[in-house]
Each structure stands twice: as C-alpha cells, then as structure tokens.
C-alpha cells in the first residue's frame, strides 16, 4: 500500500502576526508549498481573535479550480476537511468578480484559492472555441474586474480578504502559445495583486515569510 504523508501542516508552527484590518493579504509561492493550508490557518486565527472580542465572523472560501480536471476533487475535499465547520465554500472557475460581488455583503472574511487556477480555467475554457487573441482579451477583461474588486477592500476595513496564487515564472518558456499566455497573465496578475495588497507573504516548503507589510 502506498504511503501518503499527512496533508496537514504541523500545528505547532508559528505564524507571523498579520493585521487584516490594514488591507488585503496575498499568499504566493510554488505549487504544493502549503499556501492553501496556511490560508486556512491565517483566516481561522482572524476568526478566533474576533470571536473573543466581538463575536463570530462569516467566512467564504471561493475555490477556482476546474473540477473536471483529474485529481482536483480529492485535493479540494482534503482542504475542506481542514476548514472550520461554519465556513462556506463555493466553486467559481470563470466569473470570479461577479461571484464575489454577489456575496460581498453576506460575509466578513473572504479566501480566494487560487488566482492561478482561475486563470487556467479561463484560458483553457476558450481553447478550440476562440482564437488565442480572443481568449487573451477576454481573460484580461476578467482580470481588470477582479483587480477592481480587490482594490475596493481598501475602503472596508471591517472585512477581511486573503488571496492565494502560485508563482509560475520559473523554468523554461513553454512551447505552446496557450501555456505561454497562462504564464504571462498569471505573472502580471500576481504583480498587480501584490501591489494592491497591504501584506504579501511568500510561502516555501510550508514556511511563510512576509515580504511586504
């Protein structure tokens, strides 16, 4: 029988102190570096601290992966089991800004996991249906909308926002045009999100390091 390591992070690992009331928080790092697990830990800490002071917070996790892709469902199921029972989770792999706008007034805390999976779903949805130029234009329209939504959190300190994305710029340039476009869009999106967020945390091997804020 294949041995599968424990998918949770060590509970004794100290987390850096993050003040979510100052603005959005951005977690970025390589794939399977522990970003999603850390996102749960950080936002759970926010909820527990607020519970002691003012009462419970309503938290929404927005997953963006295309559930038709092999292996995603089991991964997402394991992440859901880590989250507190009172949190709500929805899946939206395309119209992310519209989805978040609909739920804006219903929740106190938002976790978006992840931006890179969202871009992948947007791009590959159009493959075989539209030209690469049409796919690119539509994708950047959605990017502009989500950036506008993120920037609005500067005026709402009573709400908490945490975003997750992967760093995709390392390695050789892909041969396929759609894969090159994916790397380009995610790279540019990550830069703009990092600029908008008050705190940026780099995650490597499960270790969070604050690089902004």
C-alpha atoms as a PDB file:
ATOM      1  CA  UNK A   1       0.000   0.000   0.000  1.00  0.00           C
ATOM      2  CA  UNK A   2       1.333   3.424  -0.961  1.00  0.00           C
ATOM      3  CA  UNK A   3       2.190   5.627   1.992  1.00  0.00           C
ATOM      4  CA  UNK A   4       0.621   9.079   1.792  1.00  0.00           C
ATOM      5  CA  UNK A   5       2.046  11.705   4.140  1.00  0.00           C
ATOM      6  CA  UNK A   6      -0.177  13.743   6.421  1.00  0.00           C
ATOM      7  CA  UNK A   7      -1.578  16.582   4.343  1.00  0.00           C
ATOM      8  CA  UNK A   8      -1.922  18.995   7.252  1.00  0.00           C
ATOM      9  CA  UNK A   9       0.798  21.350   8.434  1.00  0.00           C
ATOM     10  CA  UNK A  10       2.334  20.978  11.917  1.00  0.00           C
ATOM     11  CA  UNK A  11       0.025  22.756  14.371  1.00  0.00           C
ATOM     12  CA  UNK A  12       2.986  23.991  16.401  1.00  0.00           C
ATOM     13  CA  UNK A  13       4.446  26.102  13.567  1.00  0.00           C
ATOM     14  CA  UNK A  14       4.338  29.802  14.494  1.00  0.00           C
ATOM     15  CA  UNK A  15       2.573  32.167  12.118  1.00  0.00           C
ATOM     16  CA  UNK A  16       3.682  35.764  11.543  1.00  0.00           C
ATOM     17  CA  UNK A  17       1.342  38.341  13.073  1.00  0.00           C
ATOM     18  CA  UNK A  18      -0.828  39.779  10.303  1.00  0.00           C
ATOM     19  CA  UNK A  19      -3.249  42.705  10.711  1.00  0.00           C
ATOM     20  CA  UNK A  20      -6.025  42.071   8.195  1.00  0.00           C
ATOM     21  CA  UNK A  21      -7.726  45.373   9.090  1.00  0.00           C
ATOM     22  CA  UNK A  22      -4.908  47.189   7.235  1.00  0.00           C
ATOM     23  CA  UNK A  23      -5.938  45.667   3.905  1.00  0.00           C
ATOM     24  CA  UNK A  24      -5.907  42.519   1.750  1.00  0.00           C
ATOM     25  CA  UNK A  25      -3.319  39.773   2.291  1.00  0.00           C
ATOM     26  CA  UNK A  26      -1.662  37.851  -0.567  1.00  0.00           C
ATOM     27  CA  UNK A  27      -0.072  34.393  -0.221  1.00  0.00           C
ATOM     28  CA  UNK A  28       2.209  33.414  -3.096  1.00  0.00           C
ATOM     29  CA  UNK A  29       4.636  30.551  -3.661  1.00  0.00           C
ATOM     30  CA  UNK A  30       5.312  27.367  -5.640  1.00  0.00           C
ATOM     31  CA  UNK A  31       2.709  24.663  -6.154  1.00  0.00           C
ATOM     32  CA  UNK A  32       2.109  22.377  -3.152  1.00  0.00           C
ATOM     33  CA  UNK A  33       4.179  24.639  -0.895  1.00  0.00           C
ATOM     34  CA  UNK A  34       1.445  24.809   1.755  1.00  0.00           C
ATOM     35  CA  UNK A  35      -0.331  28.007   0.657  1.00  0.00           C
ATOM     36  CA  UNK A  36      -3.885  26.691   0.932  1.00  0.00           C
ATOM     37  CA  UNK A  37      -3.235  25.181   4.343  1.00  0.00           C
ATOM     38  CA  UNK A  38      -1.713  28.446   5.536  1.00  0.00           C
ATOM     39  CA  UNK A  39      -4.652  30.416   4.177  1.00  0.00           C
ATOM     40  CA  UNK A  40      -6.957  28.337   6.359  1.00  0.00           C
ATOM     41  CA  UNK A  41      -4.745  28.833   9.404  1.00  0.00           C
ATOM     42  CA  UNK A  42      -4.442  32.592   8.943  1.00  0.00           C
ATOM     43  CA  UNK A  43      -8.148  33.211   8.422  1.00  0.00           C
ATOM     44  CA  UNK A  44      -9.093  30.854  11.237  1.00  0.00           C
ATOM     45  CA  UNK A  45      -6.847  32.889  13.518  1.00  0.00           C
ATOM     46  CA  UNK A  46      -8.649  36.060  12.444  1.00  0.00           C
ATOM     47  CA  UNK A  47     -11.990  34.421  13.256  1.00  0.00           C
ATOM     48  CA  UNK A  48     -10.856  33.184  16.665  1.00  0.00           C
ATOM     49  CA  UNK A  49      -9.408  36.563  17.635  1.00  0.00           C
ATOM     50  CA  UNK A  50     -12.582  38.338  16.587  1.00  0.00           C
ATOM     51  CA  UNK A  51     -14.754  35.779  18.386  1.00  0.00           C
ATOM     52  CA  UNK A  52     -13.055  36.633  21.659  1.00  0.00           C
ATOM     53  CA  UNK A  53     -13.554  40.373  21.096  1.00  0.00           C
ATOM     54  CA  UNK A  54     -16.766  40.916  19.141  1.00  0.00           C
ATOM     55  CA  UNK A  55     -18.369  37.651  18.027  1.00  0.00           C
ATOM     56  CA  UNK A  56     -18.192  35.155  15.173  1.00  0.00           C
ATOM     57  CA  UNK A  57     -17.307  36.060  11.586  1.00  0.00           C
ATOM     58  CA  UNK A  58     -18.886  34.609   8.465  1.00  0.00           C
ATOM     59  CA  UNK A  59     -16.203  33.236   6.149  1.00  0.00           C
ATOM     60  CA  UNK A  60     -16.490  32.375   2.460  1.00  0.00           C
ATOM     61  CA  UNK A  61     -13.888  30.324   0.587  1.00  0.00           C
ATOM     62  CA  UNK A  62     -14.075  30.657  -3.194  1.00  0.00           C
ATOM     63  CA  UNK A  63     -12.382  27.790  -4.999  1.00  0.00           C
ATOM     64  CA  UNK A  64     -11.477  28.404  -8.619  1.00  0.00           C
ATOM     65  CA  UNK A  65     -10.167  25.084  -9.949  1.00  0.00           C
ATOM     66  CA  UNK A  66     -11.854  23.368 -12.878  1.00  0.00           C
ATOM     67  CA  UNK A  67     -13.352  20.337 -11.143  1.00  0.00           C
ATOM     68  CA  UNK A  68     -13.333  18.402 -14.401  1.00  0.00           C
ATOM     69  CA  UNK A  69      -9.542  18.191 -14.187  1.00  0.00           C
ATOM     70  CA  UNK A  70      -8.243  14.880 -12.855  1.00  0.00           C
ATOM     71  CA  UNK A  71      -7.168  14.843  -9.230  1.00  0.00           C
ATOM     72  CA  UNK A  72      -8.625  18.196  -8.203  1.00  0.00           C
ATOM     73  CA  UNK A  73     -11.677  16.853  -6.402  1.00  0.00           C
ATOM     74  CA  UNK A  74      -9.745  14.722  -3.911  1.00  0.00           C
ATOM     75  CA  UNK A  75      -7.371  17.610  -3.228  1.00  0.00           C
ATOM     76  CA  UNK A  76     -10.257  20.014  -2.655  1.00  0.00           C
ATOM     77  CA  UNK A  77     -12.067  17.538  -0.420  1.00  0.00           C
ATOM     78  CA  UNK A  78      -8.986  17.250   1.808  1.00  0.00           C
ATOM     79  CA  UNK A  79      -8.761  21.046   2.082  1.00  0.00           C
ATOM     80  CA  UNK A  80     -12.435  21.337   3.007  1.00  0.00           C
ATOM     81  CA  UNK A  81     -11.926  18.891   5.862  1.00  0.00           C
ATOM     82  CA  UNK A  82      -9.263  21.203   7.309  1.00  0.00           C
ATOM     83  CA  UNK A  83     -11.590  24.210   7.446  1.00  0.00           C
ATOM     84  CA  UNK A  84     -13.877  25.061  10.373  1.00  0.00           C
ATOM     85  CA  UNK A  85     -17.359  23.625  10.001  1.00  0.00           C
ATOM     86  CA  UNK A  86     -19.024  27.036   9.893  1.00  0.00           C
ATOM     87  CA  UNK A  87     -17.158  28.211   6.815  1.00  0.00           C
ATOM     88  CA  UNK A  88     -18.917  28.217   3.464  1.00  0.00           C
ATOM     89  CA  UNK A  89     -17.248  27.084   0.231  1.00  0.00           C
ATOM     90  CA  UNK A  90     -18.345  27.754  -3.333  1.00  0.00           C
ATOM     91  CA  UNK A  91     -16.660  26.945  -6.638  1.00  0.00           C
ATOM     92  CA  UNK A  92     -16.358  29.549  -9.396  1.00  0.00           C
ATOM     93  CA  UNK A  93     -13.798  28.934 -12.130  1.00  0.00           C
ATOM     94  CA  UNK A  94     -14.759  31.699 -14.557  1.00  0.00           C
ATOM     95  CA  UNK A  95     -16.792  34.760 -13.481  1.00  0.00           C
ATOM     96  CA  UNK A  96     -14.916  35.345 -10.243  1.00  0.00           C
ATOM     97  CA  UNK A  97     -15.518  39.083  -9.805  1.00  0.00           C
ATOM     98  CA  UNK A  98     -19.247  38.727 -10.443  1.00  0.00           C
ATOM     99  CA  UNK A  99     -19.478  35.869  -7.972  1.00  0.00           C
ATOM    100  CA  UNK A 100     -17.658  37.806  -5.252  1.00  0.00           C
ATOM    101  CA  UNK A 101     -19.745  40.911  -5.855  1.00  0.00           C
ATOM    102  CA  UNK A 102     -22.954  38.910  -5.348  1.00  0.00           C
ATOM    103  CA  UNK A 103     -21.729  37.661  -1.975  1.00  0.00           C
ATOM    104  CA  UNK A 104     -19.948  40.839  -0.838  1.00  0.00           C
ATOM    105  CA  UNK A 105     -22.480  41.859   1.809  1.00  0.00           C
ATOM    106  CA  UNK A 106     -23.074  38.332   3.139  1.00  0.00           C
ATOM    107  CA  UNK A 107     -19.632  37.613   4.600  1.00  0.00           C
ATOM    108  CA  UNK A 108     -16.969  39.163   6.795  1.00  0.00           C
ATOM    109  CA  UNK A 109     -13.999  37.131   5.520  1.00  0.00           C
ATOM    110  CA  UNK A 110     -13.091  36.008   2.006  1.00  0.00           C
ATOM    111  CA  UNK A 111     -10.481  33.466   0.910  1.00  0.00           C
ATOM    112  CA  UNK A 112      -9.821  33.183  -2.833  1.00  0.00           C
ATOM    113  CA  UNK A 113      -7.930  29.982  -3.630  1.00  0.00           C
ATOM    114  CA  UNK A 114      -6.466  30.382  -6.136  1.00  0.00           C
ATOM    115  CA  UNK A 115      -5.838  33.055  -8.756  1.00  0.00           C
ATOM    116  CA  UNK A 116      -3.601  30.871 -10.917  1.00  0.00           C
ATOM    117  CA  UNK A 117      -6.203  28.096 -11.127  1.00  0.00           C
ATOM    118  CA  UNK A 118      -8.802  30.689 -12.068  1.00  0.00           C
ATOM    119  CA  UNK A 119      -6.646  31.973 -14.935  1.00  0.00           C
ATOM    120  CA  UNK A 120      -6.020  28.400 -16.097  1.00  0.00           C
ATOM    121  CA  UNK A 121      -9.759  27.702 -16.179  1.00  0.00           C
ATOM    122  CA  UNK A 122     -10.459  30.944 -18.067  1.00  0.00           C
ATOM    123  CA  UNK A 123      -7.820  30.304 -20.710  1.00  0.00           C
ATOM    124  CA  UNK A 124      -8.393  26.632 -21.347  1.00  0.00           C
ATOM    125  CA  UNK A 125     -12.168  27.098 -21.485  1.00  0.00           C
ATOM    126  CA  UNK A 126     -11.650  29.056 -24.693  1.00  0.00           C
ATOM    127  CA  UNK A 127      -9.283  26.599 -26.364  1.00  0.00           C
ATOM    128  CA  UNK A 128     -10.890  25.243 -29.525  1.00  0.00           C
ATOM    129  CA  UNK A 129     -13.697  27.816 -29.332  1.00  0.00           C
ATOM    130  CA  UNK A 130     -11.901  31.131 -29.850  1.00  0.00           C
ATOM    131  CA  UNK A 131      -8.647  32.448 -31.266  1.00  0.00           C
ATOM    132  CA  UNK A 132      -5.709  32.995 -28.926  1.00  0.00           C
ATOM    133  CA  UNK A 133      -6.252  36.776 -29.298  1.00  0.00           C
ATOM    134  CA  UNK A 134      -9.917  36.485 -28.275  1.00  0.00           C
ATOM    135  CA  UNK A 135      -9.019  34.298 -25.304  1.00  0.00           C
ATOM    136  CA  UNK A 136      -6.371  36.794 -24.202  1.00  0.00           C
ATOM    137  CA  UNK A 137      -8.730  39.783 -24.477  1.00  0.00           C
ATOM    138  CA  UNK A 138     -11.495  38.072 -22.522  1.00  0.00           C
ATOM    139  CA  UNK A 139      -9.066  36.939 -19.870  1.00  0.00           C
ATOM    140  CA  UNK A 140      -7.665  40.425 -19.311  1.00  0.00           C
ATOM    141  CA  UNK A 141     -11.192  41.823 -19.050  1.00  0.00           C
ATOM    142  CA  UNK A 142     -11.869  39.409 -16.196  1.00  0.00           C
ATOM    143  CA  UNK A 143      -8.504  40.311 -14.641  1.00  0.00           C
ATOM    144  CA  UNK A 144      -9.388  44.023 -14.659  1.00  0.00           C
ATOM    145  CA  UNK A 145     -12.684  43.248 -12.936  1.00  0.00           C
ATOM    146  CA  UNK A 146     -11.110  41.208 -10.147  1.00  0.00           C
ATOM    147  CA  UNK A 147      -8.430  43.850  -9.584  1.00  0.00           C
ATOM    148  CA  UNK A 148     -11.134  46.485  -9.242  1.00  0.00           C
ATOM    149  CA  UNK A 149     -12.942  44.277  -6.725  1.00  0.00           C
ATOM    150  CA  UNK A 150      -9.754  43.749  -4.691  1.00  0.00           C
ATOM    151  CA  UNK A 151      -8.980  47.485  -4.651  1.00  0.00           C
ATOM    152  CA  UNK A 152     -12.397  48.179  -3.121  1.00  0.00           C
ATOM    153  CA  UNK A 153     -11.251  46.455   0.089  1.00  0.00           C
ATOM    154  CA  UNK A 154      -9.111  49.484   0.923  1.00  0.00           C
ATOM    155  CA  UNK A 155     -12.356  51.203   1.956  1.00  0.00           C
ATOM    156  CA  UNK A 156     -13.817  48.335   4.003  1.00  0.00           C
ATOM    157  CA  UNK A 157     -11.545  47.608   6.998  1.00  0.00           C
ATOM    158  CA  UNK A 158     -14.381  45.641   8.655  1.00  0.00           C
ATOM    159  CA  UNK A 159     -13.994  42.907   6.023  1.00  0.00           C
ATOM    160  CA  UNK A 160     -11.012  40.592   5.584  1.00  0.00           C
ATOM    161  CA  UNK A 161      -9.595  39.348   2.290  1.00  0.00           C
ATOM    162  CA  UNK A 162      -6.922  36.704   1.676  1.00  0.00           C
ATOM    163  CA  UNK A 163      -5.825  35.708  -1.827  1.00  0.00           C
ATOM    164  CA  UNK A 164      -3.714  32.724  -2.885  1.00  0.00           C
ATOM    165  CA  UNK A 165      -1.690  32.279  -6.062  1.00  0.00           C
ATOM    166  CA  UNK A 166       1.230  30.271  -7.394  1.00  0.00           C
ATOM    167  CA  UNK A 167       4.499  31.655  -8.694  1.00  0.00           C
ATOM    168  CA  UNK A 168       4.732  30.415 -12.285  1.00  0.00           C
ATOM    169  CA  UNK A 169       7.622  32.360 -13.832  1.00  0.00           C
ATOM    170  CA  UNK A 170      10.455  29.920 -13.099  1.00  0.00           C
ATOM    171  CA  UNK A 171      11.722  27.407 -15.652  1.00  0.00           C
ATOM    172  CA  UNK A 172      11.853  27.281 -19.436  1.00  0.00           C
ATOM    173  CA  UNK A 173       9.355  29.112 -21.609  1.00  0.00           C
ATOM    174  CA  UNK A 174       6.547  26.711 -22.654  1.00  0.00           C
ATOM    175  CA  UNK A 175       6.316  25.713 -26.302  1.00  0.00           C
ATOM    176  CA  UNK A 176       2.527  26.054 -26.676  1.00  0.00           C
ATOM    177  CA  UNK A 177       1.092  29.551 -27.101  1.00  0.00           C
ATOM    178  CA  UNK A 178      -1.748  28.982 -24.601  1.00  0.00           C
ATOM    179  CA  UNK A 179       0.754  27.854 -21.957  1.00  0.00           C
ATOM    180  CA  UNK A 180       2.946  30.891 -22.589  1.00  0.00           C
ATOM    181  CA  UNK A 181      -0.132  33.087 -22.267  1.00  0.00           C
ATOM    182  CA  UNK A 182      -1.027  31.418 -18.974  1.00  0.00           C
ATOM    183  CA  UNK A 183       2.397  32.181 -17.533  1.00  0.00           C
ATOM    184  CA  UNK A 184       2.262  35.754 -18.799  1.00  0.00           C
ATOM    185  CA  UNK A 185      -1.205  36.501 -17.433  1.00  0.00           C
ATOM    186  CA  UNK A 186      -0.576  34.921 -14.036  1.00  0.00           C
ATOM    187  CA  UNK A 187       2.777  36.680 -13.712  1.00  0.00           C
ATOM    188  CA  UNK A 188       1.251  40.074 -14.472  1.00  0.00           C
ATOM    189  CA  UNK A 189      -1.778  39.397 -12.257  1.00  0.00           C
ATOM    190  CA  UNK A 190       0.428  38.385  -9.335  1.00  0.00           C
ATOM    191  CA  UNK A 191       2.381  41.633  -9.639  1.00  0.00           C
ATOM    192  CA  UNK A 192      -0.741  43.781  -9.674  1.00  0.00           C
ATOM    193  CA  UNK A 193      -2.345  41.895  -6.790  1.00  0.00           C
ATOM    194  CA  UNK A 194       0.848  42.233  -4.744  1.00  0.00           C
ATOM    195  CA  UNK A 195       0.780  45.964  -5.414  1.00  0.00           C
ATOM    196  CA  UNK A 196      -2.824  46.245  -4.217  1.00  0.00           C
ATOM    197  CA  UNK A 197      -2.399  44.122  -1.094  1.00  0.00           C
ATOM    198  CA  UNK A 198      -1.142  45.592   2.174  1.00  0.00           C
ATOM    199  CA  UNK A 199       0.635  42.362   3.114  1.00  0.00           C
ATOM    200  CA  UNK A 200       2.364  39.842   0.829  1.00  0.00           C
ATOM    201  CA  UNK A 201       3.604  36.527   2.197  1.00  0.00           C
ATOM    202  CA  UNK A 202       5.959  34.226   0.305  1.00  0.00           C
ATOM    203  CA  UNK A 203       5.478  30.530   1.110  1.00  0.00           C
ATOM    204  CA  UNK A 204       8.247  27.981   0.557  1.00  0.00           C
ATOM    205  CA  UNK A 205       8.184  24.425   1.967  1.00  0.00           C
ATOM    206  CA  UNK A 206       5.307  25.413   4.238  1.00  0.00           C
ATOM    207  CA  UNK A 207       7.211  28.335   5.765  1.00  0.00           C
ATOM    208  CA  UNK A 208       5.574  31.785   5.475  1.00  0.00           C
ATOM    209  CA  UNK A 209       7.844  34.819   5.095  1.00  0.00           C
ATOM    210  CA  UNK A 210       6.408  38.345   4.987  1.00  0.00           C
ATOM    211  CA  UNK A 211       7.940  40.188   2.012  1.00  0.00           C
ATOM    212  CA  UNK A 212       5.637  43.213   2.139  1.00  0.00           C
ATOM    213  CA  UNK A 213       3.795  44.794   5.030  1.00  0.00           C
END
